[in-house]
Amino acid sequence: MKKKKRKVKKQARRIATFGLISIIMIVVIVITLGTSFFEVVDKYKEKKELENKLAALEEKKKELESDVKKLEDPEYLARYAREKYFYSKDGELILRIPE
């Protein structure tokens, strides 16, 4: 009987040890997967933000390229300088009207 009780106790101790180790491994795996999941979600959000920023920058690039083409035209450049910097043609008088 004593041998049987010892054997049962030993077996119960092995099962408890195996169970504890299994639970610890499962907890570590769940924590690792959870951390990885949140990292992926953060990277996805960052990717969306960067894609939006890229789209805005590409739009700005198109606008700037358009401005460069316009500024190559001497007539546009002269009109732009008169409007923006109040340059005048010979004999022209510039009056500033407050809004």
PDB file of N, CA and C in Angstrom:
ATOM      1  N   MET A   1       0.793  -1.192   0.000  1.00  0.00           N
ATOM      2  CA  MET A   1       0.000   0.000   0.000  1.00  0.00           C
ATOM      3  C   MET A   1       0.844   1.269   0.000  1.00  0.00           C
ATOM      4  N   LYS A   2       1.919   1.241   0.824  1.00  0.00           N
ATOM      5  CA  LYS A   2       2.758   2.428   0.904  1.00  0.00           C
ATOM      6  C   LYS A   2       3.433   2.701  -0.432  1.00  0.00           C
ATOM      7  N   LYS A   3       3.860   1.635  -1.102  1.00  0.00           N
ATOM      8  CA  LYS A   3       4.498   1.815  -2.399  1.00  0.00           C
ATOM      9  C   LYS A   3       3.505   2.395  -3.400  1.00  0.00           C
ATOM     10  N   LYS A   4       2.274   1.913  -3.317  1.00  0.00           N
ATOM     11  CA  LYS A   4       1.239   2.394  -4.221  1.00  0.00           C
ATOM     12  C   LYS A   4       0.952   3.868  -3.951  1.00  0.00           C
ATOM     13  N   LYS A   5       0.891   4.265  -2.664  1.00  0.00           N
ATOM     14  CA  LYS A   5       0.637   5.657  -2.300  1.00  0.00           C
ATOM     15  C   LYS A   5       1.789   6.540  -2.776  1.00  0.00           C
ATOM     16  N   ARG A   6       3.017   6.058  -2.602  1.00  0.00           N
ATOM     17  CA  ARG A   6       4.177   6.821  -3.073  1.00  0.00           C
ATOM     18  C   ARG A   6       4.136   6.966  -4.584  1.00  0.00           C
ATOM     19  N   LYS A   7       3.789   5.885  -5.237  1.00  0.00           N
ATOM     20  CA  LYS A   7       3.715   5.914  -6.695  1.00  0.00           C
ATOM     21  C   LYS A   7       2.633   6.890  -7.156  1.00  0.00           C
ATOM     22  N   VAL A   8       1.509   6.877  -6.478  1.00  0.00           N
ATOM     23  CA  VAL A   8       0.418   7.797  -6.805  1.00  0.00           C
ATOM     24  C   VAL A   8       0.847   9.231  -6.521  1.00  0.00           C
ATOM     25  N   LYS A   9       1.512   9.462  -5.384  1.00  0.00           N
ATOM     26  CA  LYS A   9       1.985  10.803  -5.049  1.00  0.00           C
ATOM     27  C   LYS A   9       3.015  11.289  -6.072  1.00  0.00           C
ATOM     28  N   LYS A  10       3.932  10.393  -6.466  1.00  0.00           N
ATOM     29  CA  LYS A  10       4.940  10.741  -7.455  1.00  0.00           C
ATOM     30  C   LYS A  10       4.273  11.094  -8.783  1.00  0.00           C
ATOM     31  N   GLN A  11       3.307  10.267  -9.147  1.00  0.00           N
ATOM     32  CA  GLN A  11       2.590  10.501 -10.406  1.00  0.00           C
ATOM     33  C   GLN A  11       1.814  11.814 -10.326  1.00  0.00           C
ATOM     34  N   ALA A  12       1.174  12.084  -9.192  1.00  0.00           N
ATOM     35  CA  ALA A  12       0.431  13.332  -9.010  1.00  0.00           C
ATOM     36  C   ALA A  12       1.383  14.519  -9.069  1.00  0.00           C
ATOM     37  N   ARG A  13       2.572  14.378  -8.469  1.00  0.00           N
ATOM     38  CA  ARG A  13       3.565  15.451  -8.496  1.00  0.00           C
ATOM     39  C   ARG A  13       4.037  15.696  -9.931  1.00  0.00           C
ATOM     40  N   ARG A  14       4.282  14.645 -10.699  1.00  0.00           N
ATOM     41  CA  ARG A  14       4.686  14.779 -12.109  1.00  0.00           C
ATOM     42  C   ARG A  14       3.605  15.481 -12.913  1.00  0.00           C
ATOM     43  N   ILE A  15       2.366  15.042 -12.705  1.00  0.00           N
ATOM     44  CA  ILE A  15       1.250  15.660 -13.432  1.00  0.00           C
ATOM     45  C   ILE A  15       1.125  17.138 -13.059  1.00  0.00           C
ATOM     46  N   ALA A  16       1.256  17.454 -11.771  1.00  0.00           N
ATOM     47  CA  ALA A  16       1.176  18.844 -11.320  1.00  0.00           C
ATOM     48  C   ALA A  16       2.313  19.665 -11.920  1.00  0.00           C
ATOM     49  N   THR A  17       3.523  19.102 -11.910  1.00  0.00           N
ATOM     50  CA  THR A  17       4.674  19.802 -12.489  1.00  0.00           C
ATOM     51  C   THR A  17       4.471  20.011 -13.982  1.00  0.00           C
ATOM     52  N   PHE A  18       4.057  18.970 -14.669  1.00  0.00           N
ATOM     53  CA  PHE A  18       3.808  19.081 -16.107  1.00  0.00           C
ATOM     54  C   PHE A  18       2.705  20.096 -16.380  1.00  0.00           C
ATOM     55  N   GLY A  19       1.654  20.060 -15.561  1.00  0.00           N
ATOM     56  CA  GLY A  19       0.558  21.021 -15.718  1.00  0.00           C
ATOM     57  C   GLY A  19       1.022  22.445 -15.492  1.00  0.00           C
ATOM     58  N   LEU A  20       1.828  22.676 -14.468  1.00  0.00           N
ATOM     59  CA  LEU A  20       2.343  24.010 -14.169  1.00  0.00           C
ATOM     60  C   LEU A  20       3.233  24.520 -15.297  1.00  0.00           C
ATOM     61  N   ILE A  21       4.115  23.648 -15.767  1.00  0.00           N
ATOM     62  CA  ILE A  21       4.995  24.039 -16.882  1.00  0.00           C
ATOM     63  C   ILE A  21       4.161  24.340 -18.124  1.00  0.00           C
ATOM     64  N   SER A  22       3.147  23.534 -18.381  1.00  0.00           N
ATOM     65  CA  SER A  22       2.277  23.757 -19.534  1.00  0.00           C
ATOM     66  C   SER A  22       1.547  25.095 -19.430  1.00  0.00           C
ATOM     67  N   ILE A  23       1.039  25.385 -18.240  1.00  0.00           N
ATOM     68  CA  ILE A  23       0.330  26.658 -18.031  1.00  0.00           C
ATOM     69  C   ILE A  23       1.282  27.828 -18.227  1.00  0.00           C
ATOM     70  N   ILE A  24       2.494  27.729 -17.685  1.00  0.00           N
ATOM     71  CA  ILE A  24       3.476  28.802 -17.853  1.00  0.00           C
ATOM     72  C   ILE A  24       3.800  28.998 -19.331  1.00  0.00           C
ATOM     73  N   MET A  25       3.994  27.919 -20.073  1.00  0.00           N
ATOM     74  CA  MET A  25       4.289  28.028 -21.506  1.00  0.00           C
ATOM     75  C   MET A  25       3.125  28.644 -22.260  1.00  0.00           C
ATOM     76  N   ILE A  26       1.907  28.244 -21.913  1.00  0.00           N
ATOM     77  CA  ILE A  26       0.731  28.809 -22.583  1.00  0.00           C
ATOM     78  C   ILE A  26       0.630  30.304 -22.307  1.00  0.00           C
ATOM     79  N   VAL A  27       0.879  30.714 -21.064  1.00  0.00           N
ATOM     80  CA  VAL A  27       0.823  32.139 -20.713  1.00  0.00           C
ATOM     81  C   VAL A  27       1.878  32.921 -21.497  1.00  0.00           C
ATOM     82  N   VAL A  28       3.087  32.385 -21.579  1.00  0.00           N
ATOM     83  CA  VAL A  28       4.162  33.066 -22.319  1.00  0.00           C
ATOM     84  C   VAL A  28       3.785  33.187 -23.795  1.00  0.00           C
ATOM     85  N   ILE A  29       3.250  32.124 -24.360  1.00  0.00           N
ATOM     86  CA  ILE A  29       2.853  32.152 -25.776  1.00  0.00           C
ATOM     87  C   ILE A  29       1.743  33.172 -26.009  1.00  0.00           C
ATOM     88  N   VAL A  30       0.750  33.199 -25.132  1.00  0.00           N
ATOM     89  CA  VAL A  30      -0.358  34.159 -25.276  1.00  0.00           C
ATOM     90  C   VAL A  30       0.161  35.588 -25.157  1.00  0.00           C
ATOM     91  N   ILE A  31       1.034  35.832 -24.206  1.00  0.00           N
ATOM     92  CA  ILE A  31       1.594  37.184 -24.049  1.00  0.00           C
ATOM     93  C   ILE A  31       2.389  37.572 -25.294  1.00  0.00           C
ATOM     94  N   THR A  32       3.186  36.660 -25.808  1.00  0.00           N
ATOM     95  CA  THR A  32       3.979  36.941 -27.007  1.00  0.00           C
ATOM     96  C   THR A  32       3.075  37.225 -28.205  1.00  0.00           C
ATOM     97  N   LEU A  33       2.058  36.415 -28.382  1.00  0.00           N
ATOM     98  CA  LEU A  33       1.133  36.629 -29.503  1.00  0.00           C
ATOM     99  C   LEU A  33       0.364  37.937 -29.348  1.00  0.00           C
ATOM    100  N   GLY A  34      -0.040  38.248 -28.112  1.00  0.00           N
ATOM    101  CA  GLY A  34      -0.742  39.512 -27.869  1.00  0.00           C
ATOM    102  C   GLY A  34       0.132  40.707 -28.184  1.00  0.00           C
ATOM    103  N   THR A  35       1.371  40.648 -27.736  1.00  0.00           N
ATOM    104  CA  THR A  35       2.309  41.740 -28.019  1.00  0.00           C
ATOM    105  C   THR A  35       2.525  41.896 -29.524  1.00  0.00           C
ATOM    106  N   SER A  36       2.709  40.777 -30.196  1.00  0.00           N
ATOM    107  CA  SER A  36       2.912  40.818 -31.645  1.00  0.00           C
ATOM    108  C   SER A  36       1.686  41.379 -32.354  1.00  0.00           C
ATOM    109  N   PHE A  37       0.515  40.987 -31.895  1.00  0.00           N
ATOM    110  CA  PHE A  37      -0.726  41.484 -32.505  1.00  0.00           C
ATOM    111  C   PHE A  37      -0.811  43.002 -32.386  1.00  0.00           C
ATOM    112  N   PHE A  38      -0.535  43.534 -31.196  1.00  0.00           N
ATOM    113  CA  PHE A  38      -0.606  44.977 -31.017  1.00  0.00           C
ATOM    114  C   PHE A  38       0.470  45.706 -31.819  1.00  0.00           C
ATOM    115  N   GLU A  39       1.627  45.101 -31.986  1.00  0.00           N
ATOM    116  CA  GLU A  39       2.658  45.703 -32.836  1.00  0.00           C
ATOM    117  C   GLU A  39       2.187  45.768 -34.285  1.00  0.00           C
ATOM    118  N   VAL A  40       1.546  44.703 -34.737  1.00  0.00           N
ATOM    119  CA  VAL A  40       1.034  44.677 -36.112  1.00  0.00           C
ATOM    120  C   VAL A  40      -0.034  45.749 -36.288  1.00  0.00           C
ATOM    121  N   VAL A  41      -0.911  45.884 -35.316  1.00  0.00           N
ATOM    122  CA  VAL A  41      -1.960  46.909 -35.395  1.00  0.00           C
ATOM    123  C   VAL A  41      -1.334  48.301 -35.439  1.00  0.00           C
ATOM    124  N   ASP A  42      -0.322  48.539 -34.607  1.00  0.00           N
ATOM    125  CA  ASP A  42       0.358  49.839 -34.619  1.00  0.00           C
ATOM    126  C   ASP A  42       1.026  50.102 -35.966  1.00  0.00           C
ATOM    127  N   LYS A  43       1.662  49.090 -36.519  1.00  0.00           N
ATOM    128  CA  LYS A  43       2.321  49.255 -37.824  1.00  0.00           C
ATOM    129  C   LYS A  43       1.289  49.522 -38.921  1.00  0.00           C
ATOM    130  N   TYR A  44       0.132  48.875 -38.822  1.00  0.00           N
ATOM    131  CA  TYR A  44      -0.934  49.105 -39.807  1.00  0.00           C
ATOM    132  C   TYR A  44      -1.419  50.550 -39.739  1.00  0.00           C
ATOM    133  N   LYS A  45      -1.614  51.068 -38.517  1.00  0.00           N
ATOM    134  CA  LYS A  45      -2.032  52.465 -38.362  1.00  0.00           C
ATOM    135  C   LYS A  45      -0.960  53.410 -38.898  1.00  0.00           C
ATOM    136  N   GLU A  46       0.300  53.105 -38.587  1.00  0.00           N
ATOM    137  CA  GLU A  46       1.400  53.941 -39.070  1.00  0.00           C
ATOM    138  C   GLU A  46       1.461  53.923 -40.592  1.00  0.00           C
ATOM    139  N   LYS A  47       1.220  52.758 -41.183  1.00  0.00           N
ATOM    140  CA  LYS A  47       1.229  52.634 -42.642  1.00  0.00           C
ATOM    141  C   LYS A  47       0.134  53.498 -43.248  1.00  0.00           C
ATOM    142  N   LYS A  48      -1.069  53.464 -42.664  1.00  0.00           N
ATOM    143  CA  LYS A  48      -2.180  54.285 -43.167  1.00  0.00           C
ATOM    144  C   LYS A  48      -1.831  55.769 -43.090  1.00  0.00           C
ATOM    145  N   GLU A  49      -1.257  56.197 -41.954  1.00  0.00           N
ATOM    146  CA  GLU A  49      -0.874  57.595 -41.799  1.00  0.00           C
ATOM    147  C   GLU A  49       0.169  57.994 -42.837  1.00  0.00           C
ATOM    148  N   LEU A  50       1.148  57.133 -43.056  1.00  0.00           N
ATOM    149  CA  LEU A  50       2.198  57.440 -44.033  1.00  0.00           C
ATOM    150  C   LEU A  50       1.658  57.447 -45.451  1.00  0.00           C
ATOM    151  N   GLU A  51       0.691  56.565 -45.747  1.00  0.00           N
ATOM    152  CA  GLU A  51       0.078  56.577 -47.076  1.00  0.00           C
ATOM    153  C   GLU A  51      -0.682  57.880 -47.305  1.00  0.00           C
ATOM    154  N   ASN A  52      -1.391  58.349 -46.268  1.00  0.00           N
ATOM    155  CA  ASN A  52      -2.105  59.626 -46.382  1.00  0.00           C
ATOM    156  C   ASN A  52      -1.123  60.777 -46.572  1.00  0.00           C
ATOM    157  N   LYS A  53      -0.026  60.727 -45.823  1.00  0.00           N
ATOM    158  CA  LYS A  53       0.992  61.770 -45.940  1.00  0.00           C
ATOM    159  C   LYS A  53       1.622  61.752 -47.334  1.00  0.00           C
ATOM    160  N   LEU A  54       1.868  60.541 -47.851  1.00  0.00           N
ATOM    161  CA  LEU A  54       2.434  60.408 -49.192  1.00  0.00           C
ATOM    162  C   LEU A  54       1.487  60.978 -50.238  1.00  0.00           C
ATOM    163  N   ALA A  55       0.202  60.699 -50.105  1.00  0.00           N
ATOM    164  CA  ALA A  55      -0.781  61.223 -51.064  1.00  0.00           C
ATOM    165  C   ALA A  55      -0.798  62.751 -51.025  1.00  0.00           C
ATOM    166  N   ALA A  56      -0.734  63.320 -49.817  1.00  0.00           N
ATOM    167  CA  ALA A  56      -0.713  64.782 -49.690  1.00  0.00           C
ATOM    168  C   ALA A  56       0.554  65.355 -50.316  1.00  0.00           C
ATOM    169  N   LEU A  57       1.678  64.705 -50.093  1.00  0.00           N
ATOM    170  CA  LEU A  57       2.939  65.191 -50.667  1.00  0.00           C
ATOM    171  C   LEU A  57       2.948  65.074 -52.193  1.00  0.00           C
ATOM    172  N   GLU A  58       2.360  64.013 -52.718  1.00  0.00           N
ATOM    173  CA  GLU A  58       2.288  63.871 -54.172  1.00  0.00           C
ATOM    174  C   GLU A  58       1.405  64.955 -54.780  1.00  0.00           C
ATOM    175  N   GLU A  59       0.311  65.290 -54.098  1.00  0.00           N
ATOM    176  CA  GLU A  59      -0.566  66.369 -54.560  1.00  0.00           C
ATOM    177  C   GLU A  59       0.185  67.696 -54.548  1.00  0.00           C
ATOM    178  N   LYS A  60       0.932  67.932 -53.463  1.00  0.00           N
ATOM    179  CA  LYS A  60       1.717  69.166 -53.360  1.00  0.00           C
ATOM    180  C   LYS A  60       2.780  69.214 -54.461  1.00  0.00           C
ATOM    181  N   LYS A  61       3.381  68.060 -54.759  1.00  0.00           N
ATOM    182  CA  LYS A  61       4.388  67.989 -55.814  1.00  0.00           C
ATOM    183  C   LYS A  61       3.774  68.371 -57.155  1.00  0.00           C
ATOM    184  N   LYS A  62       2.566  67.877 -57.434  1.00  0.00           N
ATOM    185  CA  LYS A  62       1.887  68.226 -58.689  1.00  0.00           C
ATOM    186  C   LYS A  62       1.617  69.723 -58.762  1.00  0.00           C
ATOM    187  N   GLU A  63       1.174  70.296 -57.636  1.00  0.00           N
ATOM    188  CA  GLU A  63       0.919  71.734 -57.603  1.00  0.00           C
ATOM    189  C   GLU A  63       2.206  72.522 -57.857  1.00  0.00           C
ATOM    190  N   LEU A  64       3.294  72.098 -57.224  1.00  0.00           N
ATOM    191  CA  LEU A  64       4.561  72.804 -57.392  1.00  0.00           C
ATOM    192  C   LEU A  64       5.088  72.668 -58.820  1.00  0.00           C
ATOM    193  N   GLU A  65       4.920  71.489 -59.411  1.00  0.00           N
ATOM    194  CA  GLU A  65       5.338  71.312 -60.808  1.00  0.00           C
ATOM    195  C   GLU A  65       4.526  72.212 -61.721  1.00  0.00           C
ATOM    196  N   SER A  66       3.235  72.342 -61.418  1.00  0.00           N
ATOM    197  CA  SER A  66       2.376  73.229 -62.197  1.00  0.00           C
ATOM    198  C   SER A  66       2.841  74.680 -62.050  1.00  0.00           C
ATOM    199  N   ASP A  67       3.188  75.067 -60.817  1.00  0.00           N
ATOM    200  CA  ASP A  67       3.682  76.429 -60.584  1.00  0.00           C
ATOM    201  C   ASP A  67       4.983  76.675 -61.342  1.00  0.00           C
ATOM    202  N   VAL A  68       5.854  75.686 -61.379  1.00  0.00           N
ATOM    203  CA  VAL A  68       7.124  75.835 -62.104  1.00  0.00           C
ATOM    204  C   VAL A  68       6.851  76.056 -63.584  1.00  0.00           C
ATOM    205  N   LYS A  69       5.939  75.282 -64.151  1.00  0.00           N
ATOM    206  CA  LYS A  69       5.608  75.456 -65.571  1.00  0.00           C
ATOM    207  C   LYS A  69       5.017  76.835 -65.829  1.00  0.00           C
ATOM    208  N   LYS A  70       4.155  77.288 -64.910  1.00  0.00           N
ATOM    209  CA  LYS A  70       3.552  78.614 -65.082  1.00  0.00           C
ATOM    210  C   LYS A  70       4.619  79.708 -64.994  1.00  0.00           C
ATOM    211  N   LEU A  71       5.556  79.547 -64.061  1.00  0.00           N
ATOM    212  CA  LEU A  71       6.581  80.581 -63.882  1.00  0.00           C
ATOM    213  C   LEU A  71       7.576  80.631 -65.039  1.00  0.00           C
ATOM    214  N   GLU A  72       7.600  79.606 -65.859  1.00  0.00           N
ATOM    215  CA  GLU A  72       8.448  79.652 -67.052  1.00  0.00           C
ATOM    216  C   GLU A  72       7.851  80.543 -68.135  1.00  0.00           C
ATOM    217  N   ASP A  73       6.563  80.844 -68.037  1.00  0.00           N
ATOM    218  CA  ASP A  73       5.886  81.718 -69.004  1.00  0.00           C
ATOM    219  C   ASP A  73       6.139  83.174 -68.594  1.00  0.00           C
ATOM    220  N   PRO A  74       6.780  83.971 -69.452  1.00  0.00           N
ATOM    221  CA  PRO A  74       7.123  85.356 -69.087  1.00  0.00           C
ATOM    222  C   PRO A  74       5.899  86.225 -68.790  1.00  0.00           C
ATOM    223  N   GLU A  75       4.810  86.024 -69.504  1.00  0.00           N
ATOM    224  CA  GLU A  75       3.610  86.834 -69.258  1.00  0.00           C
ATOM    225  C   GLU A  75       3.029  86.520 -67.876  1.00  0.00           C
ATOM    226  N   TYR A  76       2.964  85.260 -67.545  1.00  0.00           N
ATOM    227  CA  TYR A  76       2.451  84.868 -66.221  1.00  0.00           C
ATOM    228  C   TYR A  76       3.371  85.394 -65.126  1.00  0.00           C
ATOM    229  N   LEU A  77       4.660  85.294 -65.344  1.00  0.00           N
ATOM    230  CA  LEU A  77       5.635  85.758 -64.363  1.00  0.00           C
ATOM    231  C   LEU A  77       5.491  87.259 -64.121  1.00  0.00           C
ATOM    232  N   ALA A  78       5.292  88.018 -65.180  1.00  0.00           N
ATOM    233  CA  ALA A  78       5.132  89.470 -65.045  1.00  0.00           C
ATOM    234  C   ALA A  78       3.845  89.799 -64.279  1.00  0.00           C
ATOM    235  N   ARG A  79       2.748  89.130 -64.608  1.00  0.00           N
ATOM    236  CA  ARG A  79       1.477  89.365 -63.918  1.00  0.00           C
ATOM    237  C   ARG A  79       1.584  88.958 -62.446  1.00  0.00           C
ATOM    238  N   TYR A  80       2.240  87.839 -62.192  1.00  0.00           N
ATOM    239  CA  TYR A  80       2.423  87.348 -60.823  1.00  0.00           C
ATOM    240  C   TYR A  80       3.237  88.347 -60.006  1.00  0.00           C
ATOM    241  N   ALA A  81       4.309  88.870 -60.572  1.00  0.00           N
ATOM    242  CA  ALA A  81       5.158  89.846 -59.870  1.00  0.00           C
ATOM    243  C   ALA A  81       4.376  91.128 -59.586  1.00  0.00           C
ATOM    244  N   ARG A  82       3.537  91.562 -60.535  1.00  0.00           N
ATOM    245  CA  ARG A  82       2.748  92.782 -60.311  1.00  0.00           C
ATOM    246  C   ARG A  82       1.735  92.561 -59.189  1.00  0.00           C
ATOM    247  N   GLU A  83       1.084  91.412 -59.186  1.00  0.00           N
ATOM    248  CA  GLU A  83       0.057  91.159 -58.169  1.00  0.00           C
ATOM    249  C   GLU A  83       0.668  90.892 -56.794  1.00  0.00           C
ATOM    250  N   LYS A  84       1.678  90.088 -56.767  1.00  0.00           N
ATOM    251  CA  LYS A  84       2.233  89.642 -55.485  1.00  0.00           C
ATOM    252  C   LYS A  84       3.163  90.680 -54.856  1.00  0.00           C
ATOM    253  N   TYR A  85       4.004  91.283 -55.661  1.00  0.00           N
ATOM    254  CA  TYR A  85       5.037  92.181 -55.133  1.00  0.00           C
ATOM    255  C   TYR A  85       4.827  93.638 -55.518  1.00  0.00           C
ATOM    256  N   PHE A  86       3.687  93.940 -56.099  1.00  0.00           N
ATOM    257  CA  PHE A  86       3.317  95.309 -56.460  1.00  0.00           C
ATOM    258  C   PHE A  86       4.325  95.967 -57.401  1.00  0.00           C
ATOM    259  N   TYR A  87       4.848  95.206 -58.351  1.00  0.00           N
ATOM    260  CA  TYR A  87       5.672  95.793 -59.391  1.00  0.00           C
ATOM    261  C   TYR A  87       4.737  96.395 -60.428  1.00  0.00           C
ATOM    262  N   SER A  88       5.208  97.440 -61.062  1.00  0.00           N
ATOM    263  CA  SER A  88       4.343  98.104 -62.041  1.00  0.00           C
ATOM    264  C   SER A  88       5.060  98.231 -63.374  1.00  0.00           C
ATOM    265  N   LYS A  89       4.242  98.382 -64.402  1.00  0.00           N
ATOM    266  CA  LYS A  89       4.790  98.666 -65.724  1.00  0.00           C
ATOM    267  C   LYS A  89       5.157 100.143 -65.744  1.00  0.00           C
ATOM    268  N   ASP A  90       5.887 100.544 -66.767  1.00  0.00           N
ATOM    269  CA  ASP A  90       6.238 101.955 -66.886  1.00  0.00           C
ATOM    270  C   ASP A  90       4.959 102.774 -67.034  1.00  0.00           C
ATOM    271  N   GLY A  91       4.823 103.783 -66.195  1.00  0.00           N
ATOM    272  CA  GLY A  91       3.669 104.662 -66.259  1.00  0.00           C
ATOM    273  C   GLY A  91       2.473 104.156 -65.462  1.00  0.00           C
ATOM    274  N   GLU A  92       2.573 103.028 -64.852  1.00  0.00           N
ATOM    275  CA  GLU A  92       1.468 102.478 -64.062  1.00  0.00           C
ATOM    276  C   GLU A  92       1.580 102.965 -62.628  1.00  0.00           C
ATOM    277  N   LEU A  93       0.436 103.197 -62.020  1.00  0.00           N
ATOM    278  CA  LEU A  93       0.400 103.613 -60.629  1.00  0.00           C
ATOM    279  C   LEU A  93      -0.346 102.549 -59.850  1.00  0.00           C
ATOM    280  N   ILE A  94       0.240 102.098 -58.751  1.00  0.00           N
ATOM    281  CA  ILE A  94      -0.380 101.036 -57.957  1.00  0.00           C
ATOM    282  C   ILE A  94      -1.015 101.659 -56.733  1.00  0.00           C
ATOM    283  N   LEU A  95      -2.302 101.392 -56.586  1.00  0.00           N
ATOM    284  CA  LEU A  95      -3.041 101.869 -55.417  1.00  0.00           C
ATOM    285  C   LEU A  95      -3.430 100.661 -54.576  1.00  0.00           C
ATOM    286  N   ARG A  96      -3.158 100.738 -53.334  1.00  0.00           N
ATOM    287  CA  ARG A  96      -3.502  99.635 -52.422  1.00  0.00           C
ATOM    288  C   ARG A  96      -4.855  99.946 -51.773  1.00  0.00           C
ATOM    289  N   ILE A  97      -5.809  99.054 -51.961  1.00  0.00           N
ATOM    290  CA  ILE A  97      -7.145  99.242 -51.413  1.00  0.00           C
ATOM    291  C   ILE A  97      -7.314  98.283 -50.237  1.00  0.00           C
ATOM    292  N   PRO A  98      -7.574  98.820 -49.055  1.00  0.00           N
ATOM    293  CA  PRO A  98      -7.771  97.916 -47.914  1.00  0.00           C
ATOM    294  C   PRO A  98      -9.074  97.131 -48.070  1.00  0.00           C
ATOM    295  N   GLU A  99      -9.059  95.921 -47.576  1.00  0.00           N
ATOM    296  CA  GLU A  99     -10.253  95.077 -47.712  1.00  0.00           C
ATOM    297  C   GLU A  99     -11.217  95.313 -46.580  1.00  0.00           C
TER     298      GLU A  99
END
